[in-house]
Every structure is written in C-alpha cells, then in structure tokens.
Amino acid sequence: MEFEEAEDFDGIDYGLTKEMNKFIIGETETIPEVDDLLQLEQYVMAIVKLTEKQDFLKQLKKKRVEIIDQAIEDAKNRENKIREISIDVLNKLEKKTVDYPGLAKITKTNKQGKWIINDEESLLKFLKEKEQLEALTVIKYNVKKRELDKFLDGCPTIPECVEKEKPSMSLTVTLHNMEKTKEESVETVTTDNVF
C-alpha cells in the first residue's frame, strides 16, 4: 500500500492513507492492510500526535473549566449579595411580596435552618443508640468488579443479569523523547476472528 496524499480527518497531518482516514472517520469498517513495519511507523506517529492532542485538549479543558467555575462562583456570590440587599429592602418596607410585571415576582420567606453533619460516624452511632439507624439511613452496596470477574469466570451457570463482553486486543504505546514516559493502553476494534 502506497502512502498517498490524503485529507486528514481533523485537519492535522498524520501522514495516513485515504483508506486509513476513511476507517478512522467511520466511512468504512474494513481495516486497511499494512504489509511492513515502515507503514506501521506512520500509524505509530499518528498515535503519538493524537495522544499529544488529547493531552493538550485535556489541559485546555481543565484551564477553561477552572476559569468558568470561577466565573460561576463570582456570579453566584454577587447574586447572593444582591439577594441580601433585596431582603433588607423588603424588611425595611415591611413587604413580603413585590411583583414587577414582565420581569419577576419576589417573595420573602423564612426558612428553617438545616442540620449540618460534622461527624458522620458519630451520628451513625447516635442513630443506632436511638434505634433510628435503619429508618434514617440507606445502605448502598458496591460490587467488587475484579473479584466478580474471577467468580463469574469460574461459575458453571451465569445469571441473565450479567453478560461478558467479547475479548479484544489492546495496544500499549510508549512515547519516546518526552519529559516523562507515558504508556497508554488503547482498545482496538474487536472483530469476530480475533481469538
């Protein structure tokens, strides 16, 4: 297979063939044939570039999320200050409700304080002593996935509530010439003839 000029699927030059790009974007389900290690190197270079792109996007997302979270927090704090002022004005004017047609209706209400749990373990002991533990708590079970896999692998009968996914192969890529070595396991497309 010769490497031809191909318009890459996301605008970055990965040096891939048209057939590989079609496979990546889902236009075909047929995995392009590779018949030597030099061609495989092109795919490894694409994996490296895509890994770098993912790292960049994760950092960008994190940075943007932090900025957006801060903006939300600032807006919420300002809103709460304005609510405080509004309640003060309603108190001074001895009003409970004011309607601004076409904008909003505001109503002042008295809220009971909520209980804050400072020490959950002590609270659970207290509830047990008062015989209220079962009435006021919920127990949630978490399945130990790894142990369950081992158990079900050796189980002669499998219940209908579980199913086993098809085996697949993974590819570990160790990136060289970077500040730190990074290994990623990437699941490949599972085909019926894999195992």
N, C-alpha and C. Protein backbone atom coordinates (compact mmCIF):
# COMPACT_ATOMS: atom_id res chain seq x y z
N MET A 1 0.85 -1.16 0.00
CA MET A 1 0.00 0.00 0.00
C MET A 1 0.90 1.23 0.00
N GLU A 2 0.72 2.12 -0.95
CA GLU A 2 1.50 3.35 -1.05
C GLU A 2 0.79 4.44 -0.23
N PHE A 3 1.60 5.29 0.38
CA PHE A 3 1.02 6.42 1.09
C PHE A 3 0.75 7.53 0.10
N GLU A 4 -0.54 7.87 -0.04
CA GLU A 4 -0.96 8.91 -0.97
C GLU A 4 -1.30 10.15 -0.15
N GLU A 5 -1.39 11.26 -0.86
CA GLU A 5 -1.85 12.47 -0.19
C GLU A 5 -3.29 12.20 0.24
N ALA A 6 -3.58 12.48 1.48
CA ALA A 6 -4.94 12.26 1.97
C ALA A 6 -5.34 13.44 2.83
N GLU A 7 -6.58 13.86 2.71
CA GLU A 7 -7.09 14.93 3.56
C GLU A 7 -7.40 14.30 4.90
N ASP A 8 -6.68 14.73 5.94
CA ASP A 8 -6.82 14.09 7.22
C ASP A 8 -8.14 14.43 7.88
N PHE A 9 -8.58 13.55 8.77
CA PHE A 9 -9.92 13.62 9.34
C PHE A 9 -10.15 14.79 10.27
N ASP A 10 -9.11 15.41 10.82
CA ASP A 10 -9.36 16.56 11.69
C ASP A 10 -8.44 17.73 11.39
N GLY A 11 -7.87 17.77 10.20
CA GLY A 11 -7.06 18.91 9.80
C GLY A 11 -5.60 18.82 10.19
N ILE A 12 -5.21 17.83 10.95
CA ILE A 12 -3.81 17.66 11.33
C ILE A 12 -3.21 16.60 10.41
N ASP A 13 -2.00 16.84 9.94
CA ASP A 13 -1.34 15.90 9.03
C ASP A 13 -0.76 14.74 9.82
N TYR A 14 -1.40 13.60 9.70
CA TYR A 14 -0.93 12.39 10.38
C TYR A 14 -0.17 11.49 9.43
N GLY A 15 -0.12 11.83 8.16
CA GLY A 15 0.59 11.03 7.18
C GLY A 15 -0.10 9.72 6.89
N LEU A 16 -1.41 9.69 6.98
CA LEU A 16 -2.16 8.45 6.77
C LEU A 16 -2.71 8.37 5.36
N THR A 17 -3.04 7.16 4.96
CA THR A 17 -3.61 6.95 3.63
C THR A 17 -5.09 7.32 3.64
N LYS A 18 -5.64 7.45 2.43
CA LYS A 18 -7.07 7.74 2.31
C LYS A 18 -7.89 6.63 2.95
N GLU A 19 -7.45 5.39 2.75
CA GLU A 19 -8.19 4.25 3.31
C GLU A 19 -8.22 4.29 4.84
N MET A 20 -7.06 4.65 5.44
CA MET A 20 -6.99 4.71 6.90
C MET A 20 -7.89 5.84 7.42
N ASN A 21 -7.87 6.99 6.74
CA ASN A 21 -8.73 8.10 7.15
C ASN A 21 -10.20 7.71 7.07
N LYS A 22 -10.57 6.99 6.01
CA LYS A 22 -11.96 6.54 5.88
C LYS A 22 -12.33 5.61 7.02
N PHE A 23 -11.40 4.74 7.41
CA PHE A 23 -11.64 3.82 8.53
C PHE A 23 -11.81 4.60 9.84
N ILE A 24 -10.94 5.59 10.05
CA ILE A 24 -10.96 6.37 11.29
C ILE A 24 -12.26 7.15 11.44
N ILE A 25 -12.75 7.76 10.36
CA ILE A 25 -13.97 8.55 10.48
C ILE A 25 -15.24 7.73 10.30
N GLY A 26 -15.08 6.43 10.09
CA GLY A 26 -16.23 5.54 10.05
C GLY A 26 -16.89 5.39 8.70
N GLU A 27 -16.23 5.81 7.62
CA GLU A 27 -16.81 5.64 6.29
C GLU A 27 -16.70 4.19 5.82
N THR A 28 -15.79 3.44 6.42
CA THR A 28 -15.66 2.01 6.09
C THR A 28 -15.35 1.24 7.36
N GLU A 29 -15.73 -0.02 7.37
CA GLU A 29 -15.45 -0.86 8.53
C GLU A 29 -14.24 -1.77 8.28
N THR A 30 -13.71 -1.70 7.07
CA THR A 30 -12.58 -2.55 6.70
C THR A 30 -11.27 -1.92 7.15
N ILE A 31 -10.52 -2.66 7.96
CA ILE A 31 -9.23 -2.17 8.43
C ILE A 31 -8.25 -2.25 7.26
N PRO A 32 -7.61 -1.12 6.91
CA PRO A 32 -6.66 -1.13 5.79
C PRO A 32 -5.51 -2.09 6.07
N GLU A 33 -5.04 -2.73 5.00
CA GLU A 33 -3.94 -3.68 5.16
C GLU A 33 -2.61 -2.94 5.25
N VAL A 34 -1.77 -3.42 6.15
CA VAL A 34 -0.42 -2.89 6.30
C VAL A 34 0.50 -4.07 6.11
N ASP A 35 1.51 -3.92 5.23
CA ASP A 35 2.35 -5.07 4.96
C ASP A 35 3.81 -4.88 5.34
N ASP A 36 4.16 -3.80 6.03
CA ASP A 36 5.53 -3.70 6.54
C ASP A 36 5.60 -2.74 7.72
N LEU A 37 6.73 -2.81 8.43
CA LEU A 37 6.91 -2.02 9.64
C LEU A 37 7.08 -0.53 9.37
N LEU A 38 7.53 -0.16 8.18
CA LEU A 38 7.65 1.25 7.85
C LEU A 38 6.27 1.91 7.75
N GLN A 39 5.34 1.18 7.19
CA GLN A 39 3.98 1.70 7.12
C GLN A 39 3.38 1.77 8.53
N LEU A 40 3.67 0.76 9.33
CA LEU A 40 3.17 0.75 10.70
C LEU A 40 3.69 1.95 11.48
N GLU A 41 4.93 2.37 11.16
CA GLU A 41 5.51 3.53 11.85
C GLU A 41 4.65 4.78 11.63
N GLN A 42 4.05 4.93 10.44
CA GLN A 42 3.16 6.07 10.18
C GLN A 42 2.00 6.06 11.17
N TYR A 43 1.46 4.87 11.44
CA TYR A 43 0.33 4.77 12.36
C TYR A 43 0.78 5.07 13.79
N VAL A 44 1.98 4.62 14.15
CA VAL A 44 2.50 4.91 15.49
C VAL A 44 2.71 6.42 15.64
N MET A 45 3.22 7.07 14.59
CA MET A 45 3.39 8.53 14.64
C MET A 45 2.04 9.22 14.80
N ALA A 46 1.02 8.69 14.15
CA ALA A 46 -0.33 9.26 14.28
C ALA A 46 -0.84 9.08 15.72
N ILE A 47 -0.57 7.92 16.31
CA ILE A 47 -0.97 7.68 17.70
C ILE A 47 -0.29 8.69 18.62
N VAL A 48 1.00 8.91 18.40
CA VAL A 48 1.76 9.88 19.22
C VAL A 48 1.14 11.27 19.09
N LYS A 49 0.87 11.70 17.85
CA LYS A 49 0.29 13.03 17.62
C LYS A 49 -1.09 13.14 18.27
N LEU A 50 -1.89 12.08 18.13
CA LEU A 50 -3.23 12.10 18.72
C LEU A 50 -3.18 12.09 20.25
N THR A 51 -2.21 11.38 20.81
CA THR A 51 -2.02 11.38 22.27
C THR A 51 -1.65 12.78 22.74
N GLU A 52 -0.73 13.42 22.01
CA GLU A 52 -0.34 14.79 22.36
C GLU A 52 -1.53 15.73 22.24
N LYS A 53 -2.34 15.54 21.21
CA LYS A 53 -3.53 16.38 21.02
C LYS A 53 -4.50 16.19 22.18
N GLN A 54 -4.71 14.93 22.60
CA GLN A 54 -5.61 14.66 23.73
C GLN A 54 -5.09 15.32 25.00
N ASP A 55 -3.78 15.22 25.25
CA ASP A 55 -3.19 15.85 26.44
C ASP A 55 -3.41 17.36 26.40
N PHE A 56 -3.18 17.97 25.24
CA PHE A 56 -3.39 19.40 25.08
C PHE A 56 -4.85 19.76 25.36
N LEU A 57 -5.77 19.01 24.77
CA LEU A 57 -7.19 19.30 24.95
C LEU A 57 -7.63 19.10 26.40
N LYS A 58 -7.07 18.10 27.08
CA LYS A 58 -7.40 17.89 28.49
C LYS A 58 -6.93 19.07 29.32
N GLN A 59 -5.71 19.56 29.04
CA GLN A 59 -5.19 20.71 29.77
C GLN A 59 -6.02 21.96 29.46
N LEU A 60 -6.38 22.13 28.19
CA LEU A 60 -7.18 23.28 27.79
C LEU A 60 -8.55 23.23 28.47
N LYS A 61 -9.15 22.05 28.48
CA LYS A 61 -10.46 21.88 29.12
C LYS A 61 -10.36 22.20 30.61
N LYS A 62 -9.31 21.69 31.25
CA LYS A 62 -9.12 21.93 32.68
C LYS A 62 -8.98 23.42 32.95
N LYS A 63 -8.16 24.09 32.12
CA LYS A 63 -7.95 25.52 32.31
C LYS A 63 -9.25 26.29 32.10
N ARG A 64 -9.97 25.94 31.05
CA ARG A 64 -11.23 26.63 30.77
C ARG A 64 -12.26 26.33 31.85
N VAL A 65 -12.30 25.09 32.32
CA VAL A 65 -13.25 24.73 33.37
C VAL A 65 -12.96 25.53 34.63
N GLU A 66 -11.67 25.68 34.98
CA GLU A 66 -11.31 26.45 36.16
C GLU A 66 -11.77 27.90 36.02
N ILE A 67 -11.54 28.48 34.85
CA ILE A 67 -11.95 29.87 34.61
C ILE A 67 -13.47 29.99 34.67
N ILE A 68 -14.16 29.07 34.03
CA ILE A 68 -15.62 29.10 34.02
C ILE A 68 -16.17 28.85 35.42
N ASP A 69 -15.59 27.89 36.15
CA ASP A 69 -16.02 27.64 37.53
C ASP A 69 -15.86 28.90 38.39
N GLN A 70 -14.75 29.61 38.20
CA GLN A 70 -14.52 30.84 38.97
C GLN A 70 -15.55 31.90 38.60
N ALA A 71 -15.86 32.01 37.31
CA ALA A 71 -16.86 32.99 36.86
C ALA A 71 -18.23 32.66 37.44
N ILE A 72 -18.58 31.37 37.47
CA ILE A 72 -19.85 30.94 38.06
C ILE A 72 -19.88 31.28 39.54
N GLU A 73 -18.79 30.98 40.24
CA GLU A 73 -18.70 31.27 41.67
C GLU A 73 -18.83 32.77 41.94
N ASP A 74 -18.15 33.60 41.13
CA ASP A 74 -18.25 35.05 41.28
C ASP A 74 -19.68 35.54 41.07
N ALA A 75 -20.32 35.01 40.02
CA ALA A 75 -21.70 35.41 39.72
C ALA A 75 -22.63 34.99 40.86
N LYS A 76 -22.42 33.79 41.39
CA LYS A 76 -23.25 33.30 42.50
C LYS A 76 -23.07 34.16 43.74
N ASN A 77 -21.83 34.54 44.05
CA ASN A 77 -21.56 35.41 45.20
C ASN A 77 -22.23 36.77 45.03
N ARG A 78 -22.14 37.34 43.83
CA ARG A 78 -22.79 38.62 43.57
C ARG A 78 -24.30 38.51 43.69
N GLU A 79 -24.84 37.41 43.15
CA GLU A 79 -26.29 37.19 43.25
C GLU A 79 -26.71 37.12 44.71
N ASN A 80 -25.95 36.38 45.54
CA ASN A 80 -26.30 36.26 46.95
C ASN A 80 -26.25 37.60 47.67
N LYS A 81 -25.27 38.45 47.32
CA LYS A 81 -25.19 39.79 47.92
C LYS A 81 -26.42 40.62 47.54
N ILE A 82 -26.82 40.55 46.28
CA ILE A 82 -28.00 41.28 45.82
C ILE A 82 -29.25 40.75 46.51
N ARG A 83 -29.32 39.43 46.72
CA ARG A 83 -30.46 38.85 47.45
C ARG A 83 -30.50 39.40 48.88
N GLU A 84 -29.32 39.49 49.52
CA GLU A 84 -29.25 40.05 50.88
C GLU A 84 -29.81 41.47 50.91
N ILE A 85 -29.37 42.29 49.95
CA ILE A 85 -29.84 43.67 49.86
C ILE A 85 -31.36 43.70 49.64
N SER A 86 -31.85 42.83 48.76
CA SER A 86 -33.28 42.79 48.44
C SER A 86 -34.09 42.42 49.67
N ILE A 87 -33.62 41.45 50.43
CA ILE A 87 -34.33 41.06 51.67
C ILE A 87 -34.33 42.23 52.65
N ASP A 88 -33.20 42.92 52.75
CA ASP A 88 -33.11 44.08 53.64
C ASP A 88 -34.12 45.16 53.25
N VAL A 89 -34.23 45.43 51.95
CA VAL A 89 -35.19 46.43 51.46
C VAL A 89 -36.62 46.00 51.79
N LEU A 90 -36.93 44.72 51.53
CA LEU A 90 -38.28 44.22 51.84
C LEU A 90 -38.57 44.34 53.33
N ASN A 91 -37.60 44.04 54.17
CA ASN A 91 -37.78 44.17 55.62
C ASN A 91 -38.05 45.62 56.01
N LYS A 92 -37.26 46.54 55.47
CA LYS A 92 -37.43 47.97 55.79
C LYS A 92 -38.81 48.48 55.35
N LEU A 93 -39.27 48.01 54.21
CA LEU A 93 -40.56 48.46 53.69
C LEU A 93 -41.72 47.61 54.20
N GLU A 94 -41.39 46.62 55.04
CA GLU A 94 -42.39 45.71 55.61
C GLU A 94 -43.25 45.05 54.53
N LYS A 95 -42.58 44.58 53.49
CA LYS A 95 -43.24 43.88 52.39
C LYS A 95 -42.78 42.43 52.38
N LYS A 96 -43.69 41.54 51.98
CA LYS A 96 -43.34 40.12 51.84
C LYS A 96 -43.18 39.76 50.36
N THR A 97 -44.01 40.38 49.51
CA THR A 97 -44.01 40.08 48.08
C THR A 97 -44.09 41.38 47.29
N VAL A 98 -43.34 41.42 46.20
CA VAL A 98 -43.43 42.54 45.26
C VAL A 98 -43.41 41.94 43.86
N ASP A 99 -44.34 42.40 43.02
CA ASP A 99 -44.42 41.90 41.65
C ASP A 99 -44.00 43.00 40.68
N TYR A 100 -43.04 42.66 39.81
CA TYR A 100 -42.60 43.56 38.76
C TYR A 100 -43.07 42.95 37.45
N PRO A 101 -44.24 43.38 36.93
CA PRO A 101 -44.81 42.77 35.73
C PRO A 101 -43.82 42.77 34.56
N GLY A 102 -43.77 41.65 33.90
CA GLY A 102 -42.89 41.49 32.76
C GLY A 102 -41.45 41.18 33.13
N LEU A 103 -41.12 41.20 34.45
CA LEU A 103 -39.75 40.93 34.88
C LEU A 103 -39.70 39.77 35.85
N ALA A 104 -40.25 39.98 37.05
CA ALA A 104 -40.21 38.92 38.06
C ALA A 104 -41.07 39.29 39.25
N LYS A 105 -41.35 38.29 40.03
CA LYS A 105 -42.06 38.48 41.30
C LYS A 105 -41.11 37.98 42.38
N ILE A 106 -40.92 38.79 43.42
CA ILE A 106 -40.05 38.35 44.51
C ILE A 106 -40.89 38.14 45.76
N THR A 107 -40.54 37.10 46.50
CA THR A 107 -41.24 36.76 47.73
C THR A 107 -40.22 36.42 48.79
N LYS A 108 -40.39 37.04 49.96
CA LYS A 108 -39.50 36.79 51.09
C LYS A 108 -40.15 35.70 51.96
N THR A 109 -39.39 34.66 52.28
CA THR A 109 -39.90 33.58 53.15
C THR A 109 -38.88 33.28 54.23
N ASN A 110 -39.37 32.79 55.34
CA ASN A 110 -38.49 32.35 56.42
C ASN A 110 -38.20 30.87 56.22
N LYS A 111 -36.92 30.54 56.19
CA LYS A 111 -36.51 29.14 56.04
C LYS A 111 -35.96 28.62 57.36
N GLN A 112 -36.35 27.40 57.68
CA GLN A 112 -35.76 26.76 58.86
C GLN A 112 -34.33 26.36 58.53
N GLY A 113 -33.46 26.44 59.52
CA GLY A 113 -32.08 26.01 59.31
C GLY A 113 -32.01 24.50 59.13
N LYS A 114 -31.09 24.05 58.30
CA LYS A 114 -30.90 22.62 58.08
C LYS A 114 -29.77 22.13 58.98
N TRP A 115 -29.85 20.86 59.35
CA TRP A 115 -28.78 20.26 60.15
C TRP A 115 -27.57 19.99 59.30
N ILE A 116 -26.40 20.27 59.83
CA ILE A 116 -25.13 20.02 59.15
C ILE A 116 -24.43 18.88 59.87
N ILE A 117 -24.03 17.86 59.14
CA ILE A 117 -23.36 16.69 59.72
C ILE A 117 -21.86 16.98 59.77
N ASN A 118 -21.33 17.09 60.97
CA ASN A 118 -19.90 17.35 61.15
C ASN A 118 -19.09 16.06 61.28
N ASP A 119 -19.72 15.01 61.83
CA ASP A 119 -19.03 13.74 62.06
C ASP A 119 -20.03 12.62 61.80
N GLU A 120 -19.98 12.07 60.57
CA GLU A 120 -20.97 11.08 60.16
C GLU A 120 -20.90 9.81 61.00
N GLU A 121 -19.70 9.38 61.34
CA GLU A 121 -19.53 8.16 62.13
C GLU A 121 -20.20 8.29 63.50
N SER A 122 -19.99 9.42 64.16
CA SER A 122 -20.63 9.65 65.47
C SER A 122 -22.14 9.74 65.33
N LEU A 123 -22.59 10.35 64.24
CA LEU A 123 -24.03 10.44 64.00
C LEU A 123 -24.64 9.05 63.84
N LEU A 124 -23.97 8.17 63.10
CA LEU A 124 -24.48 6.81 62.90
C LEU A 124 -24.57 6.07 64.23
N LYS A 125 -23.59 6.24 65.10
CA LYS A 125 -23.64 5.63 66.44
C LYS A 125 -24.82 6.16 67.24
N PHE A 126 -25.02 7.48 67.16
CA PHE A 126 -26.13 8.13 67.85
C PHE A 126 -27.46 7.58 67.36
N LEU A 127 -27.62 7.47 66.04
CA LEU A 127 -28.87 6.94 65.47
C LEU A 127 -29.09 5.49 65.87
N LYS A 128 -28.02 4.73 65.97
CA LYS A 128 -28.13 3.33 66.39
C LYS A 128 -28.61 3.26 67.84
N GLU A 129 -28.04 4.10 68.70
CA GLU A 129 -28.47 4.14 70.11
C GLU A 129 -29.94 4.50 70.23
N LYS A 130 -30.41 5.40 69.37
CA LYS A 130 -31.81 5.85 69.40
C LYS A 130 -32.72 4.96 68.57
N GLU A 131 -32.18 3.86 68.06
CA GLU A 131 -32.92 2.89 67.24
C GLU A 131 -33.57 3.54 66.01
N GLN A 132 -32.83 4.44 65.37
CA GLN A 132 -33.31 5.13 64.17
C GLN A 132 -32.40 4.90 62.97
N LEU A 133 -31.40 4.04 63.15
CA LEU A 133 -30.41 3.84 62.09
C LEU A 133 -31.05 3.35 60.79
N GLU A 134 -31.86 2.32 60.86
CA GLU A 134 -32.48 1.77 59.66
C GLU A 134 -33.49 2.71 59.03
N ALA A 135 -34.20 3.47 59.88
CA ALA A 135 -35.23 4.38 59.37
C ALA A 135 -34.64 5.60 58.68
N LEU A 136 -33.45 6.02 59.08
CA LEU A 136 -32.89 7.28 58.59
C LEU A 136 -31.65 7.14 57.71
N THR A 137 -31.28 5.93 57.37
CA THR A 137 -30.11 5.73 56.52
C THR A 137 -30.42 4.74 55.40
N VAL A 138 -29.60 4.78 54.38
CA VAL A 138 -29.70 3.86 53.24
C VAL A 138 -28.33 3.22 53.06
N ILE A 139 -28.31 1.91 52.90
CA ILE A 139 -27.05 1.20 52.66
C ILE A 139 -26.93 0.96 51.17
N LYS A 140 -25.79 1.33 50.62
CA LYS A 140 -25.54 1.12 49.20
C LYS A 140 -24.41 0.10 49.05
N TYR A 141 -24.66 -0.93 48.25
CA TYR A 141 -23.65 -1.94 48.01
C TYR A 141 -22.89 -1.61 46.74
N ASN A 142 -21.58 -1.75 46.78
CA ASN A 142 -20.74 -1.57 45.61
C ASN A 142 -20.13 -2.93 45.24
N VAL A 143 -20.26 -3.30 43.98
CA VAL A 143 -19.74 -4.58 43.51
C VAL A 143 -18.24 -4.46 43.33
N LYS A 144 -17.51 -5.44 43.85
CA LYS A 144 -16.06 -5.50 43.64
C LYS A 144 -15.85 -6.15 42.27
N LYS A 145 -15.64 -5.31 41.27
CA LYS A 145 -15.63 -5.75 39.87
C LYS A 145 -14.60 -6.82 39.58
N ARG A 146 -13.39 -6.64 40.05
CA ARG A 146 -12.33 -7.60 39.76
C ARG A 146 -12.65 -8.97 40.37
N GLU A 147 -13.10 -8.96 41.63
CA GLU A 147 -13.44 -10.23 42.29
C GLU A 147 -14.65 -10.88 41.63
N LEU A 148 -15.63 -10.04 41.19
CA LEU A 148 -16.80 -10.57 40.50
C LEU A 148 -16.39 -11.24 39.19
N ASP A 149 -15.47 -10.61 38.44
CA ASP A 149 -15.00 -11.21 37.19
C ASP A 149 -14.42 -12.61 37.44
N LYS A 150 -13.58 -12.73 38.47
CA LYS A 150 -12.98 -14.03 38.79
C LYS A 150 -14.04 -15.04 39.18
N PHE A 151 -15.00 -14.61 40.00
CA PHE A 151 -16.07 -15.51 40.44
C PHE A 151 -16.89 -16.00 39.25
N LEU A 152 -17.31 -15.06 38.38
CA LEU A 152 -18.15 -15.45 37.24
C LEU A 152 -17.39 -16.29 36.21
N ASP A 153 -16.07 -16.04 36.07
CA ASP A 153 -15.27 -16.86 35.16
C ASP A 153 -15.28 -18.32 35.58
N GLY A 154 -15.35 -18.60 36.88
CA GLY A 154 -15.35 -19.98 37.37
C GLY A 154 -16.74 -20.52 37.66
N CYS A 155 -17.77 -19.71 37.45
CA CYS A 155 -19.14 -20.10 37.78
C CYS A 155 -19.73 -20.98 36.67
N PRO A 156 -20.29 -22.15 37.01
CA PRO A 156 -20.84 -23.03 35.97
C PRO A 156 -22.12 -22.48 35.32
N THR A 157 -22.91 -21.72 36.04
CA THR A 157 -24.12 -21.13 35.46
C THR A 157 -24.05 -19.61 35.64
N ILE A 158 -24.38 -18.91 34.59
CA ILE A 158 -24.32 -17.45 34.59
C ILE A 158 -25.74 -16.90 34.57
N PRO A 159 -26.07 -16.00 35.51
CA PRO A 159 -27.43 -15.44 35.52
C PRO A 159 -27.62 -14.47 34.35
N GLU A 160 -28.89 -14.24 33.98
CA GLU A 160 -29.20 -13.37 32.85
C GLU A 160 -28.90 -11.90 33.14
N CYS A 161 -28.65 -11.55 34.39
CA CYS A 161 -28.43 -10.15 34.76
C CYS A 161 -27.02 -9.67 34.42
N VAL A 162 -26.17 -10.57 33.95
CA VAL A 162 -24.83 -10.18 33.54
C VAL A 162 -24.53 -10.77 32.17
N GLU A 163 -23.60 -10.14 31.47
CA GLU A 163 -23.10 -10.69 30.21
C GLU A 163 -21.63 -10.32 30.10
N LYS A 164 -20.90 -11.11 29.34
CA LYS A 164 -19.47 -10.87 29.19
C LYS A 164 -19.21 -10.28 27.82
N GLU A 165 -18.42 -9.18 27.80
CA GLU A 165 -18.09 -8.56 26.52
C GLU A 165 -17.10 -9.45 25.78
N LYS A 166 -17.04 -9.24 24.47
CA LYS A 166 -16.13 -10.03 23.64
C LYS A 166 -14.69 -9.67 24.00
N PRO A 167 -13.80 -10.65 23.94
CA PRO A 167 -12.38 -10.35 24.17
C PRO A 167 -11.88 -9.38 23.10
N SER A 168 -10.91 -8.58 23.46
CA SER A 168 -10.33 -7.66 22.49
C SER A 168 -8.83 -7.59 22.74
N MET A 169 -8.15 -6.96 21.83
CA MET A 169 -6.71 -6.77 21.98
C MET A 169 -6.46 -5.31 22.33
N SER A 170 -5.36 -5.06 23.00
CA SER A 170 -5.01 -3.68 23.29
C SER A 170 -3.61 -3.42 22.77
N LEU A 171 -3.31 -2.15 22.61
CA LEU A 171 -2.02 -1.74 22.10
C LEU A 171 -1.42 -0.77 23.11
N THR A 172 -0.24 -1.07 23.61
CA THR A 172 0.46 -0.18 24.53
C THR A 172 1.50 0.59 23.74
N VAL A 173 1.43 1.91 23.85
CA VAL A 173 2.36 2.78 23.13
C VAL A 173 3.21 3.51 24.16
N THR A 174 4.52 3.34 24.08
CA THR A 174 5.44 4.06 24.95
C THR A 174 6.03 5.20 24.15
N LEU A 175 5.73 6.42 24.56
CA LEU A 175 6.19 7.58 23.84
C LEU A 175 7.63 7.90 24.23
N HIS A 176 8.49 8.07 23.25
CA HIS A 176 9.90 8.38 23.49
C HIS A 176 10.14 9.87 23.32
N ASN A 177 11.31 10.32 23.79
CA ASN A 177 11.75 11.71 23.64
C ASN A 177 10.75 12.69 24.24
N MET A 178 10.17 12.32 25.36
CA MET A 178 9.28 13.23 26.07
C MET A 178 9.83 13.40 27.47
N GLU A 179 9.35 14.42 28.19
CA GLU A 179 9.85 14.67 29.54
C GLU A 179 9.67 13.45 30.44
N LYS A 180 8.54 12.79 30.30
CA LYS A 180 8.33 11.57 31.06
C LYS A 180 7.72 10.53 30.13
N THR A 181 8.00 9.29 30.42
CA THR A 181 7.48 8.22 29.58
C THR A 181 6.01 8.02 29.92
N LYS A 182 5.21 7.85 28.90
CA LYS A 182 3.78 7.68 29.09
C LYS A 182 3.35 6.43 28.36
N GLU A 183 2.65 5.57 29.06
CA GLU A 183 2.12 4.37 28.42
C GLU A 183 0.61 4.47 28.43
N GLU A 184 0.01 4.16 27.31
CA GLU A 184 -1.44 4.16 27.22
C GLU A 184 -1.88 2.87 26.57
N SER A 185 -2.91 2.30 27.12
CA SER A 185 -3.49 1.12 26.54
C SER A 185 -4.73 1.55 25.78
N VAL A 186 -4.73 1.31 24.49
CA VAL A 186 -5.83 1.74 23.64
C VAL A 186 -6.57 0.50 23.15
N GLU A 187 -7.87 0.45 23.43
CA GLU A 187 -8.65 -0.69 22.97
C GLU A 187 -8.83 -0.60 21.47
N THR A 188 -8.68 -1.71 20.78
CA THR A 188 -8.86 -1.73 19.34
C THR A 188 -10.24 -2.26 19.03
N VAL A 189 -10.62 -2.14 17.78
CA VAL A 189 -11.91 -2.66 17.36
C VAL A 189 -11.88 -4.17 17.48
N THR A 190 -12.90 -4.73 18.10
CA THR A 190 -12.99 -6.17 18.26
C THR A 190 -13.66 -6.76 17.03
N THR A 191 -13.01 -7.77 16.46
CA THR A 191 -13.61 -8.46 15.32
C THR A 191 -13.88 -9.89 15.73
N ASP A 192 -14.73 -10.55 14.98
CA ASP A 192 -15.13 -11.91 15.34
C ASP A 192 -13.98 -12.90 15.29
N ASN A 193 -12.96 -12.63 14.49
CA ASN A 193 -11.87 -13.59 14.33
C ASN A 193 -10.62 -13.24 15.16
N VAL A 194 -10.77 -12.41 16.18
CA VAL A 194 -9.62 -12.00 16.97
C VAL A 194 -9.05 -13.16 17.76
N PHE A 195 -9.88 -13.92 18.41
CA PHE A 195 -9.35 -15.01 19.26
C PHE A 195 -9.73 -16.34 18.71
